[in-house]
Amino acid sequence: MSDITLQSIALAYPRRVERIAAGSLVVLVGPPASGKTTWAGAHTAADEIVSSDRLRGLVGTGEHDLAASADAFAVLDLVVAARVRRGITTVIDTLGLDPARRAAWRDLARRSGMPCVAIAFDTAPAECRRRNATRPPQERVPPRILAGQLATYAAQRAGLDAEGFDSVLEAGPVRIVDPAVAGAVRAVRDRPAEQPGPSAGAPRAATPAILRFGLHLSTFRAPGGAADLAHRLGDVAARAEAAGVDSLWVMDHLRQIPQLGRAWEDLPEAVVTLGVLAAATTRVTVGALVHPVTFREPAVLGKAIATLDVLSGGRAVCGLGAGNSAAEHAGYGLPFPPARERLDRLEDALRLLPLLWGKGSPAFEGHVLRVPEALSYPRPLQEHVPILVGGSGPRRTLGLAARYADACNLTGEPDPVRAAVTVLHGHCADAGRDAAEVEVTHLSTIRIGDQRASPRARGRVAVVTGSVEDHVLRTEALRRAGVQHLIVALDDVWEPGAVERYGELIAASKASARTFG
């Protein structure tokens, strides 16, 4: 592991190392010499700071040209407004002692959907006076004026928390992080882990003790191109297994999806690719997120999954979905029925496949499927091949997962995940099924590194960026929301060290789960 240890993660809370979401408006509030400029320089990037002193230097004769203050603040307001419109992290370095200006900045942020955070500098008055006295003469605030500003801050500080900021933080260690990470930190701090026992409303399972982890391969821009793809796939699969990954997944699409790239980028066929991944590993399960039931006749897909299970030594998982791309189907000349019919076909497949993988050759007739002989030999090595349903449709999709599947797959951050899990468990209760029988999996795209995080995207897919510690906290928040199996697509999976960093995250997350409880 890296130097991000379980101890450092556990100690993050008492030390109050705060995380502020990238794309926030940060207002510094404090008297002169309280440390605002020093704090901003230490914890935020220079190009994120909008300073009234520096703007006085721009529009006047120097940073301490008080006669230029009105013009400096006019420029400051223009700059802040422009940055807020673009959703750029902005740190306002002024005294922050004008309630009307604070209200205007909060309103500006609110109209743009931007979090607005105040940083309060509670430096002792005696220390402010001492620092002020050691400044060069031209930079000193006259003692009478400093006394008035110290008194103003003291009078305003008690009411700062009630002004309407998204949060008011005491000046201290801060990191600017991906918004998903900042939200996860709040979720971990504000929501205790679910404990076993009765609860009101729809049944909820206790927070999973330990998560399982998967790696999803969705882009194949590997060095060497198609000629080297088989080697690269095998190498990534073997390194992922060595790093502690429990499952390997691919998409089942016939061409690259618009969210991730161009239609003509390399995207190998799913079932064949799963065979390559299985051949390169000995322990991990292999499956697709997900096989649309509209690409292949479900009985033919079932035969392929049975073969994969046999050749992998009993490690196949069957992910199923209703299909969602009309353009992709049209491009291949495949029918794309209305949503209701596709969901009927999905339900038929969920009922058919266990028959196909079982003994004999029973006939099957469902909503739209008719199979006179549900027969597949060799039969899977697993007595029951796990079936996963992708999608979070609250009525039909999660209802099908609750009745027929062994797992569901969700996306999004903790609050919507928690809501979907509650709906799933309600469907399980209606079906008379133990909710613990349906594993909750979660898919997202991430990048792990020690660099300062900022929001990224791969095509139109958001990439959650952050350090190992950041991702451990997000993982914990998802675990508390009910996720049992975390599956990630690594944005940099083909780059050296990416899979190994994921291994560090896996080890740290499992250790921290035991600590968090």
Protein backbone atom coordinates (compact mmCIF):
# COMPACT_ATOMS: atom_id res chain seq x y z
CA MET A 1 0.00 0.00 0.00
CA SER A 2 0.93 3.66 -0.30
CA ASP A 3 1.44 5.93 2.70
CA ILE A 4 -2.37 6.35 2.76
CA THR A 5 -2.91 3.98 5.67
CA LEU A 6 -5.95 2.95 7.61
CA GLN A 7 -4.71 5.07 10.51
CA SER A 8 -4.51 8.22 8.37
CA ILE A 9 -8.02 7.63 7.05
CA ALA A 10 -9.47 7.06 10.51
CA LEU A 11 -7.75 10.17 11.83
CA ALA A 12 -9.08 12.38 9.03
CA TYR A 13 -12.25 13.09 10.98
CA PRO A 14 -10.81 14.25 14.32
CA ARG A 15 -8.29 16.39 12.43
CA ARG A 16 -11.16 17.89 10.40
CA VAL A 17 -9.30 17.82 7.11
CA GLU A 18 -12.11 19.43 5.15
CA ARG A 19 -12.89 18.71 1.51
CA ILE A 20 -14.49 21.43 -0.59
CA ALA A 21 -16.10 20.50 -3.90
CA ALA A 22 -14.35 21.78 -7.01
CA GLY A 23 -16.59 24.36 -8.62
CA SER A 24 -17.44 26.08 -5.32
CA LEU A 25 -17.45 29.77 -4.46
CA VAL A 26 -15.30 30.17 -1.34
CA VAL A 27 -15.63 33.39 0.67
CA LEU A 28 -12.87 34.20 3.18
CA VAL A 29 -14.12 36.09 6.24
CA GLY A 30 -11.76 37.54 8.83
CA PRO A 31 -10.06 40.69 10.15
CA PRO A 32 -6.73 41.97 8.80
CA ALA A 33 -3.68 39.82 9.61
CA SER A 34 -5.86 36.81 10.46
CA GLY A 35 -4.10 34.66 7.81
CA LYS A 36 -6.55 34.69 4.88
CA THR A 37 -4.04 35.23 2.08
CA THR A 38 -1.56 32.77 3.58
CA TRP A 39 -4.30 30.16 3.96
CA ALA A 40 -5.51 30.64 0.38
CA GLY A 41 -1.99 30.27 -1.00
CA ALA A 42 -1.42 27.07 0.97
CA HIS A 43 -4.72 25.31 0.22
CA THR A 44 -5.94 26.56 -3.16
CA ALA A 45 -4.41 27.17 -6.57
CA ALA A 46 -3.11 30.64 -7.38
CA ASP A 47 -5.38 30.96 -10.41
CA GLU A 48 -8.44 30.28 -8.23
CA ILE A 49 -7.88 33.27 -5.92
CA VAL A 50 -9.51 36.63 -6.62
CA SER A 51 -7.85 39.12 -4.28
CA SER A 52 -8.98 42.69 -3.60
CA ASP A 53 -5.39 43.63 -2.67
CA ARG A 54 -4.01 42.38 -5.98
CA LEU A 55 -6.76 44.14 -7.89
CA ARG A 56 -5.91 47.39 -6.10
CA GLY A 57 -2.42 46.87 -7.44
CA LEU A 58 -3.90 46.42 -10.91
CA VAL A 59 -6.18 49.46 -10.98
CA GLY A 60 -4.21 51.67 -8.58
CA THR A 61 -0.64 52.45 -7.59
CA GLY A 62 -0.18 49.33 -5.47
CA GLU A 63 -1.89 46.69 -3.37
CA HIS A 64 -2.29 49.11 -0.47
CA ASP A 65 -3.65 52.03 -2.48
CA LEU A 66 -6.91 52.35 -0.53
CA ALA A 67 -8.10 55.12 -2.85
CA ALA A 68 -8.39 52.43 -5.56
CA SER A 69 -10.64 50.20 -3.44
CA ALA A 70 -13.92 51.07 -5.17
CA ASP A 71 -12.50 50.33 -8.61
CA ALA A 72 -10.79 47.18 -7.32
CA PHE A 73 -14.06 45.82 -5.94
CA ALA A 74 -15.88 46.67 -9.16
CA VAL A 75 -13.36 44.57 -11.09
CA LEU A 76 -13.54 41.86 -8.44
CA ASP A 77 -17.31 41.58 -8.83
CA LEU A 78 -16.97 41.29 -12.62
CA VAL A 79 -14.34 38.56 -12.32
CA VAL A 80 -16.27 36.61 -9.70
CA ALA A 81 -19.48 36.77 -11.74
CA ALA A 82 -17.73 35.52 -14.87
CA ARG A 83 -16.08 32.62 -13.04
CA VAL A 84 -19.29 31.63 -11.28
CA ARG A 85 -21.16 31.57 -14.61
CA ARG A 86 -18.60 29.04 -15.82
CA GLY A 87 -18.68 26.96 -12.65
CA ILE A 88 -14.99 27.57 -11.87
CA THR A 89 -13.67 27.22 -8.32
CA THR A 90 -13.28 30.77 -7.00
CA VAL A 91 -11.74 31.92 -3.71
CA ILE A 92 -12.61 35.51 -2.76
CA ASP A 93 -9.75 36.93 -0.71
CA THR A 94 -11.08 40.12 0.93
CA LEU A 95 -11.91 40.96 4.53
CA GLY A 96 -15.39 39.58 3.84
CA LEU A 97 -16.84 41.82 6.57
CA ASP A 98 -19.59 43.42 4.47
CA PRO A 99 -22.83 41.43 5.05
CA ALA A 100 -24.42 42.86 1.88
CA ARG A 101 -21.51 41.68 -0.27
CA ARG A 102 -21.60 38.24 1.34
CA ALA A 103 -25.32 38.03 0.60
CA ALA A 104 -24.75 39.07 -3.02
CA TRP A 105 -22.08 36.41 -3.47
CA ARG A 106 -24.30 33.72 -1.96
CA ASP A 107 -27.15 34.76 -4.23
CA LEU A 108 -24.85 34.72 -7.27
CA ALA A 109 -23.68 31.20 -6.43
CA ARG A 110 -27.21 29.99 -5.75
CA ARG A 111 -28.48 31.25 -9.12
CA SER A 112 -25.69 29.31 -10.83
CA GLY A 113 -26.18 26.14 -8.81
CA MET A 114 -22.73 26.53 -7.25
CA PRO A 115 -21.94 25.61 -3.62
CA CYS A 116 -20.98 28.64 -1.54
CA VAL A 117 -18.65 28.07 1.41
CA ALA A 118 -17.42 30.56 4.00
CA ILE A 119 -14.03 30.15 5.68
CA ALA A 120 -13.95 31.87 9.08
CA PHE A 121 -10.61 33.06 10.45
CA ASP A 122 -10.92 33.02 14.24
CA THR A 123 -7.37 34.18 14.86
CA ALA A 124 -6.94 35.70 18.33
CA PRO A 125 -7.08 39.53 18.26
CA ALA A 126 -3.73 39.75 20.03
CA GLU A 127 -2.15 37.63 17.28
CA CYS A 128 -3.68 39.83 14.57
CA ARG A 129 -2.24 42.90 16.29
CA ARG A 130 1.16 41.23 16.60
CA ARG A 131 1.24 40.25 12.93
CA ASN A 132 0.07 43.69 11.86
CA ALA A 133 2.82 45.35 13.89
CA THR A 134 5.52 43.28 12.15
CA ARG A 135 4.41 44.25 8.65
CA PRO A 136 6.29 46.87 6.64
CA PRO A 137 5.01 50.36 7.52
CA GLN A 138 3.17 50.84 4.24
CA GLU A 139 1.24 47.59 4.80
CA ARG A 140 0.18 48.15 8.41
CA VAL A 141 -3.44 48.82 9.24
CA PRO A 142 -3.70 51.77 11.64
CA PRO A 143 -4.41 50.43 15.17
CA ARG A 144 -7.70 52.34 15.46
CA ILE A 145 -8.99 50.87 12.18
CA LEU A 146 -7.75 47.39 13.07
CA ALA A 147 -9.56 47.60 16.43
CA GLY A 148 -12.78 48.46 14.63
CA GLN A 149 -12.43 45.58 12.16
CA LEU A 150 -11.65 43.14 14.96
CA ALA A 151 -14.82 44.28 16.73
CA THR A 152 -16.85 44.00 13.52
CA TYR A 153 -15.67 40.42 12.95
CA ALA A 154 -16.43 39.45 16.55
CA ALA A 155 -19.96 40.88 16.20
CA GLN A 156 -20.62 39.09 12.90
CA ARG A 157 -18.99 35.74 13.62
CA ALA A 158 -21.80 34.36 15.79
CA GLY A 159 -24.37 34.89 13.02
CA LEU A 160 -22.23 33.68 10.13
CA ASP A 161 -23.47 30.08 10.38
CA ALA A 162 -27.08 31.23 9.92
CA GLU A 163 -26.51 33.44 6.88
CA GLY A 164 -27.22 30.73 4.33
CA PHE A 165 -23.82 29.45 3.26
CA ASP A 166 -23.76 25.77 2.27
CA SER A 167 -21.16 25.38 4.99
CA VAL A 168 -19.07 27.60 7.26
CA LEU A 169 -15.66 26.13 8.02
CA GLU A 170 -13.01 27.24 10.45
CA ALA A 171 -9.73 27.99 8.73
CA GLY A 172 -7.69 24.81 8.73
CA PRO A 173 -6.46 22.03 6.42
CA VAL A 174 -8.58 21.91 3.26
CA ARG A 175 -8.46 20.06 -0.05
CA ILE A 176 -10.39 20.97 -3.19
CA VAL A 177 -11.82 17.68 -4.43
CA ASP A 178 -14.15 16.19 -6.99
CA PRO A 179 -17.77 17.08 -6.08
CA ALA A 180 -18.61 13.38 -5.77
CA VAL A 181 -15.87 13.00 -3.16
CA ALA A 182 -17.06 16.04 -1.21
CA GLY A 183 -20.60 14.66 -1.21
CA ALA A 184 -19.34 11.29 -0.04
CA VAL A 185 -17.51 12.87 2.90
CA ARG A 186 -20.74 14.56 4.01
CA ALA A 187 -22.61 11.28 3.65
CA VAL A 188 -20.09 9.39 5.79
CA ARG A 189 -20.07 12.06 8.48
CA ASP A 190 -23.80 12.67 8.53
CA ARG A 191 -25.17 9.14 8.13
CA PRO A 192 -24.23 6.26 10.45
CA ALA A 193 -23.88 2.82 8.97
CA GLU A 194 -27.12 0.82 8.92
CA GLN A 195 -27.13 -1.77 11.68
CA PRO A 196 -28.99 -5.10 11.68
CA GLY A 197 -32.49 -4.92 13.13
CA PRO A 198 -36.04 -3.88 12.33
CA SER A 199 -36.73 -0.57 10.62
CA ALA A 200 -39.80 1.33 9.55
CA GLY A 201 -41.07 1.28 5.97
CA ALA A 202 -39.58 -0.91 3.27
CA PRO A 203 -37.05 -3.40 4.66
CA ARG A 204 -33.40 -2.38 4.49
CA ALA A 205 -30.41 -4.65 4.79
CA ALA A 206 -27.62 -3.74 7.20
CA THR A 207 -24.60 -2.00 5.72
CA PRO A 208 -22.43 -4.65 4.02
CA ALA A 209 -19.47 -5.55 6.21
CA ILE A 210 -16.98 -5.78 3.34
CA LEU A 211 -17.39 -4.82 -0.29
CA ARG A 212 -16.45 -6.83 -3.34
CA PHE A 213 -14.66 -5.01 -6.15
CA GLY A 214 -14.83 -5.28 -9.92
CA LEU A 215 -13.03 -3.79 -12.94
CA HIS A 216 -15.04 -2.76 -16.00
CA LEU A 217 -13.33 -2.46 -19.39
CA SER A 218 -15.24 -0.10 -21.66
CA THR A 219 -12.63 1.53 -23.89
CA PHE A 220 -9.80 -0.22 -25.70
CA ARG A 221 -7.38 2.53 -26.68
CA ALA A 222 -4.51 0.31 -25.60
CA PRO A 223 -0.93 0.88 -26.81
CA GLY A 224 -0.27 -1.24 -29.86
CA GLY A 225 -3.82 -1.10 -31.18
CA ALA A 226 -5.83 -4.11 -32.29
CA ALA A 227 -2.75 -6.18 -33.14
CA ASP A 228 -1.66 -6.14 -29.50
CA LEU A 229 -5.11 -6.22 -27.93
CA ALA A 230 -5.14 -9.88 -26.88
CA HIS A 231 -1.85 -9.45 -25.00
CA ARG A 232 -2.97 -6.21 -23.38
CA LEU A 233 -6.29 -7.69 -22.28
CA GLY A 234 -4.60 -10.68 -20.72
CA ASP A 235 -2.04 -8.48 -18.98
CA VAL A 236 -4.65 -6.14 -17.48
CA ALA A 237 -6.80 -9.09 -16.37
CA ALA A 238 -3.89 -10.84 -14.65
CA ARG A 239 -2.74 -7.65 -12.91
CA ALA A 240 -6.28 -6.89 -11.78
CA GLU A 241 -6.63 -10.34 -10.26
CA ALA A 242 -3.29 -9.91 -8.50
CA ALA A 243 -4.44 -6.50 -7.20
CA GLY A 244 -7.42 -8.06 -5.44
CA VAL A 245 -10.22 -7.51 -7.97
CA ASP A 246 -13.12 -9.96 -7.57
CA SER A 247 -14.78 -9.55 -10.96
CA LEU A 248 -14.02 -8.46 -14.54
CA TRP A 249 -16.66 -6.93 -16.80
CA VAL A 250 -17.09 -5.62 -20.33
CA MET A 251 -19.87 -3.77 -22.11
CA ASP A 252 -21.96 -5.64 -24.67
CA HIS A 253 -22.26 -3.15 -27.51
CA LEU A 254 -21.74 -3.64 -31.23
CA ARG A 255 -19.91 -0.32 -31.63
CA GLN A 256 -18.51 2.22 -29.20
CA ILE A 257 -21.26 4.22 -27.52
CA PRO A 258 -21.42 8.01 -28.01
CA GLN A 259 -20.92 8.60 -24.27
CA LEU A 260 -17.40 7.15 -24.50
CA GLY A 261 -16.09 7.77 -27.98
CA ARG A 262 -16.59 7.44 -31.70
CA ALA A 263 -18.51 4.59 -33.32
CA TRP A 264 -15.45 3.43 -35.27
CA GLU A 265 -13.17 3.00 -32.25
CA ASP A 266 -12.11 -0.56 -31.41
CA LEU A 267 -14.72 -2.38 -29.32
CA PRO A 268 -14.28 -6.18 -29.32
CA GLU A 269 -17.31 -8.47 -29.18
CA ALA A 270 -18.32 -9.08 -25.58
CA VAL A 271 -18.62 -12.85 -25.21
CA VAL A 272 -15.38 -13.55 -27.07
CA THR A 273 -13.60 -10.93 -24.95
CA LEU A 274 -14.90 -12.53 -21.75
CA GLY A 275 -13.30 -15.78 -22.90
CA VAL A 276 -9.93 -14.03 -23.21
CA LEU A 277 -10.30 -12.51 -19.73
CA ALA A 278 -11.25 -15.89 -18.27
CA ALA A 279 -8.24 -17.56 -19.88
CA ALA A 280 -5.88 -14.99 -18.34
CA THR A 281 -7.19 -15.47 -14.79
CA THR A 282 -7.97 -18.23 -12.31
CA ARG A 283 -10.14 -16.67 -9.59
CA VAL A 284 -12.21 -13.68 -10.71
CA THR A 285 -15.71 -13.94 -12.12
CA VAL A 286 -16.31 -12.65 -15.66
CA GLY A 287 -19.45 -11.07 -17.08
CA ALA A 288 -21.00 -8.30 -19.16
CA LEU A 289 -22.70 -5.12 -17.99
CA VAL A 290 -24.95 -6.00 -19.70
CA HIS A 291 -26.07 -8.29 -22.54
CA PRO A 292 -29.09 -6.66 -24.23
CA VAL A 293 -31.77 -9.28 -24.79
CA THR A 294 -32.35 -7.69 -28.21
CA PHE A 295 -28.92 -8.48 -29.73
CA ARG A 296 -29.16 -12.28 -29.65
CA GLU A 297 -31.93 -14.73 -29.08
CA PRO A 298 -31.79 -15.29 -25.29
CA ALA A 299 -31.49 -19.06 -25.74
CA VAL A 300 -28.43 -18.56 -27.98
CA LEU A 301 -26.93 -16.15 -25.44
CA GLY A 302 -27.61 -18.72 -22.73
CA LYS A 303 -25.66 -21.32 -24.69
CA ALA A 304 -22.70 -18.93 -24.95
CA ILE A 305 -22.79 -18.17 -21.20
CA ALA A 306 -22.94 -21.89 -20.38
CA THR A 307 -19.87 -22.47 -22.54
CA LEU A 308 -18.08 -19.54 -20.88
CA ASP A 309 -18.85 -21.02 -17.48
CA VAL A 310 -17.44 -24.41 -18.45
CA LEU A 311 -14.27 -23.02 -20.04
CA SER A 312 -13.66 -20.60 -17.16
CA GLY A 313 -14.00 -23.30 -14.52
CA GLY A 314 -17.35 -22.04 -13.22
CA ARG A 315 -16.74 -18.28 -13.12
CA ALA A 316 -19.37 -16.84 -15.47
CA VAL A 317 -21.93 -14.19 -14.51
CA CYS A 318 -24.81 -13.35 -16.83
CA GLY A 319 -25.67 -9.66 -16.95
CA LEU A 320 -28.92 -8.86 -18.73
CA GLY A 321 -30.62 -5.65 -19.82
CA ALA A 322 -33.49 -4.55 -22.02
CA GLY A 323 -31.29 -2.65 -24.53
CA ASN A 324 -31.27 1.12 -24.90
CA SER A 325 -29.77 2.28 -28.21
CA ALA A 326 -32.14 2.57 -31.16
CA ALA A 327 -29.32 3.87 -33.40
CA GLU A 328 -27.08 0.90 -32.63
CA HIS A 329 -29.83 -1.57 -33.47
CA ALA A 330 -30.71 0.28 -36.66
CA GLY A 331 -27.08 0.32 -37.77
CA TYR A 332 -26.91 -3.47 -37.52
CA GLY A 333 -30.36 -4.05 -38.96
CA LEU A 334 -31.72 -5.39 -35.67
CA PRO A 335 -35.28 -4.85 -34.49
CA PHE A 336 -35.68 -2.42 -31.60
CA PRO A 337 -39.12 -2.98 -30.10
CA PRO A 338 -40.86 -0.47 -27.82
CA ALA A 339 -39.71 -0.34 -24.20
CA ARG A 340 -42.59 -2.44 -22.88
CA GLU A 341 -41.87 -5.27 -25.32
CA ARG A 342 -38.13 -5.15 -24.54
CA LEU A 343 -38.90 -5.44 -20.83
CA ASP A 344 -41.25 -8.36 -21.57
CA ARG A 345 -38.37 -9.99 -23.46
CA LEU A 346 -36.07 -9.35 -20.50
CA GLU A 347 -38.53 -11.01 -18.14
CA ASP A 348 -38.81 -13.98 -20.50
CA ALA A 349 -35.00 -14.33 -20.58
CA LEU A 350 -34.81 -14.22 -16.77
CA ARG A 351 -37.29 -17.10 -16.59
CA LEU A 352 -35.85 -19.05 -19.53
CA LEU A 353 -32.14 -19.16 -18.76
CA PRO A 354 -32.34 -21.18 -15.52
CA LEU A 355 -34.39 -23.76 -17.45
CA LEU A 356 -31.87 -23.77 -20.29
CA TRP A 357 -28.99 -24.36 -17.86
CA GLY A 358 -30.85 -27.05 -15.96
CA LYS A 359 -31.47 -30.67 -16.73
CA GLY A 360 -33.45 -31.95 -19.67
CA SER A 361 -34.99 -29.85 -22.44
CA PRO A 362 -38.24 -28.33 -21.18
CA ALA A 363 -40.45 -26.20 -23.41
CA PHE A 364 -40.79 -22.54 -22.56
CA GLU A 365 -43.36 -19.96 -23.58
CA GLY A 366 -43.32 -16.43 -22.21
CA HIS A 367 -44.61 -12.99 -23.13
CA VAL A 368 -42.74 -12.87 -26.46
CA LEU A 369 -40.34 -15.83 -26.41
CA ARG A 370 -41.16 -19.41 -27.35
CA VAL A 371 -38.47 -22.09 -27.04
CA PRO A 372 -39.70 -25.66 -27.78
CA GLU A 373 -36.56 -27.24 -26.31
CA ALA A 374 -34.56 -25.31 -23.68
CA LEU A 375 -31.43 -27.41 -23.96
CA SER A 376 -27.76 -26.53 -23.47
CA TYR A 377 -24.95 -29.05 -23.26
CA PRO A 378 -22.45 -28.95 -21.76
CA ARG A 379 -24.35 -27.58 -18.83
CA PRO A 380 -22.68 -24.87 -16.74
CA LEU A 381 -20.34 -26.05 -14.02
CA GLN A 382 -22.06 -23.78 -11.51
CA GLU A 383 -25.24 -25.24 -10.15
CA HIS A 384 -26.71 -21.74 -10.49
CA VAL A 385 -25.13 -19.20 -12.85
CA PRO A 386 -25.64 -15.77 -11.20
CA ILE A 387 -27.85 -13.40 -13.19
CA LEU A 388 -27.55 -9.63 -12.88
CA VAL A 389 -30.12 -7.12 -14.12
CA GLY A 390 -28.83 -3.72 -15.21
CA GLY A 391 -30.88 -0.56 -14.78
CA SER A 392 -32.67 1.29 -12.01
CA GLY A 393 -36.17 1.77 -13.37
CA PRO A 394 -38.16 1.86 -10.13
CA ARG A 395 -41.21 -0.04 -11.27
CA ARG A 396 -40.39 -2.70 -13.84
CA THR A 397 -36.59 -3.11 -13.91
CA LEU A 398 -35.97 -3.23 -10.16
CA GLY A 399 -39.11 -5.32 -9.82
CA LEU A 400 -37.68 -7.91 -12.24
CA ALA A 401 -34.35 -7.89 -10.38
CA ALA A 402 -36.17 -8.49 -7.09
CA ARG A 403 -38.19 -11.41 -8.47
CA TYR A 404 -35.72 -13.20 -10.70
CA ALA A 405 -32.13 -11.98 -10.40
CA ASP A 406 -29.17 -12.53 -8.11
CA ALA A 407 -27.88 -8.96 -8.50
CA CYS A 408 -28.82 -5.52 -9.78
CA ASN A 409 -26.57 -2.78 -11.11
CA LEU A 410 -26.98 0.86 -10.13
CA THR A 411 -25.16 4.09 -10.95
CA GLY A 412 -24.93 7.52 -9.34
CA GLU A 413 -23.92 8.90 -5.98
CA PRO A 414 -25.05 7.75 -2.51
CA ASP A 415 -28.43 9.49 -2.19
CA PRO A 416 -29.99 8.18 -5.44
CA VAL A 417 -28.38 4.79 -4.83
CA ARG A 418 -29.90 4.64 -1.35
CA ALA A 419 -33.31 5.50 -2.80
CA ALA A 420 -33.02 2.78 -5.45
CA VAL A 421 -31.96 0.21 -2.85
CA THR A 422 -35.01 1.07 -0.77
CA VAL A 423 -37.24 0.53 -3.82
CA LEU A 424 -35.49 -2.76 -4.59
CA HIS A 425 -36.01 -4.02 -1.07
CA GLY A 426 -39.65 -3.03 -1.24
CA HIS A 427 -40.03 -5.15 -4.39
CA CYS A 428 -38.28 -8.03 -2.63
CA ALA A 429 -40.75 -7.78 0.25
CA ASP A 430 -43.68 -7.79 -2.20
CA ALA A 431 -42.25 -10.89 -3.87
CA GLY A 432 -41.72 -12.64 -0.53
CA ARG A 433 -37.98 -12.73 -1.13
CA ASP A 434 -35.11 -11.99 1.26
CA ALA A 435 -33.47 -8.76 0.06
CA ALA A 436 -30.09 -10.21 1.02
CA GLU A 437 -30.43 -12.60 -1.94
CA VAL A 438 -30.07 -9.72 -4.44
CA GLU A 439 -26.57 -8.27 -4.49
CA VAL A 440 -26.40 -4.51 -5.10
CA THR A 441 -23.61 -3.66 -7.55
CA HIS A 442 -22.57 -0.17 -8.60
CA LEU A 443 -20.78 1.10 -11.70
CA SER A 444 -18.83 4.35 -12.11
CA THR A 445 -15.74 5.67 -13.86
CA ILE A 446 -12.84 6.86 -11.71
CA ARG A 447 -9.22 7.99 -11.81
CA ILE A 448 -6.94 7.44 -8.82
CA GLY A 449 -3.92 9.63 -8.17
CA ASP A 450 -2.27 11.93 -5.66
CA GLN A 451 -2.62 14.95 -7.90
CA ARG A 452 -5.02 17.72 -6.98
CA ALA A 453 -8.39 16.54 -8.21
CA SER A 454 -10.70 18.41 -10.54
CA PRO A 455 -13.80 17.23 -12.38
CA ARG A 456 -13.03 15.27 -15.53
CA ALA A 457 -15.01 13.53 -18.21
CA ARG A 458 -14.37 10.66 -20.59
CA GLY A 459 -16.55 11.62 -23.51
CA ARG A 460 -19.89 12.34 -21.86
CA VAL A 461 -19.21 10.13 -18.84
CA ALA A 462 -18.19 11.83 -15.59
CA VAL A 463 -14.89 10.63 -14.15
CA VAL A 464 -14.62 10.82 -10.35
CA THR A 465 -11.03 11.84 -9.60
CA GLY A 466 -9.10 11.85 -6.35
CA SER A 467 -6.48 10.25 -4.16
CA VAL A 468 -6.73 6.76 -2.73
CA GLU A 469 -8.03 8.29 0.51
CA ASP A 470 -10.70 10.28 -1.38
CA HIS A 471 -11.94 7.16 -3.12
CA VAL A 472 -11.96 5.19 0.12
CA LEU A 473 -14.32 7.77 1.59
CA ARG A 474 -16.56 7.63 -1.49
CA THR A 475 -16.53 3.85 -1.36
CA GLU A 476 -17.57 3.99 2.29
CA ALA A 477 -20.45 6.33 1.44
CA LEU A 478 -21.66 3.94 -1.28
CA ARG A 479 -21.33 1.02 1.11
CA ARG A 480 -23.53 2.82 3.61
CA ALA A 481 -26.03 3.46 0.81
CA GLY A 482 -26.34 -0.32 0.37
CA VAL A 483 -23.75 -1.15 -2.31
CA GLN A 484 -22.15 -4.57 -1.90
CA HIS A 485 -20.09 -4.86 -5.08
CA LEU A 486 -18.26 -1.78 -6.39
CA ILE A 487 -17.40 -1.99 -10.09
CA VAL A 488 -15.25 0.74 -11.63
CA ALA A 489 -14.02 1.63 -15.07
CA LEU A 490 -10.55 3.10 -14.63
CA ASP A 491 -10.18 6.16 -16.83
CA ASP A 492 -6.46 5.40 -17.20
CA VAL A 493 -6.65 1.59 -17.15
CA TRP A 494 -4.12 1.18 -19.98
CA GLU A 495 -1.55 3.44 -18.30
CA PRO A 496 1.22 1.97 -16.10
CA GLY A 497 0.31 1.76 -12.42
CA ALA A 498 -3.44 2.38 -12.80
CA VAL A 499 -4.51 -1.15 -11.89
CA GLU A 500 -2.05 -1.26 -9.01
CA ARG A 501 -3.44 1.99 -7.60
CA TYR A 502 -6.85 0.36 -7.73
CA GLY A 503 -5.36 -2.47 -5.68
CA GLU A 504 -4.32 0.08 -3.04
CA LEU A 505 -7.86 1.44 -3.00
CA ILE A 506 -9.30 -2.07 -2.58
CA ALA A 507 -7.00 -2.90 0.33
CA ALA A 508 -7.59 0.44 2.06
CA SER A 509 -11.38 0.24 1.56
CA LYS A 510 -11.62 -3.22 3.07
CA ALA A 511 -9.52 -2.14 6.04
CA SER A 512 -11.50 1.05 6.59
CA ALA A 513 -14.83 -0.80 6.37
CA ARG A 514 -13.80 -2.80 9.41
CA THR A 515 -12.96 0.44 11.22
CA PHE A 516 -16.05 2.40 10.19
CA GLY A 517 -18.28 -0.54 11.15
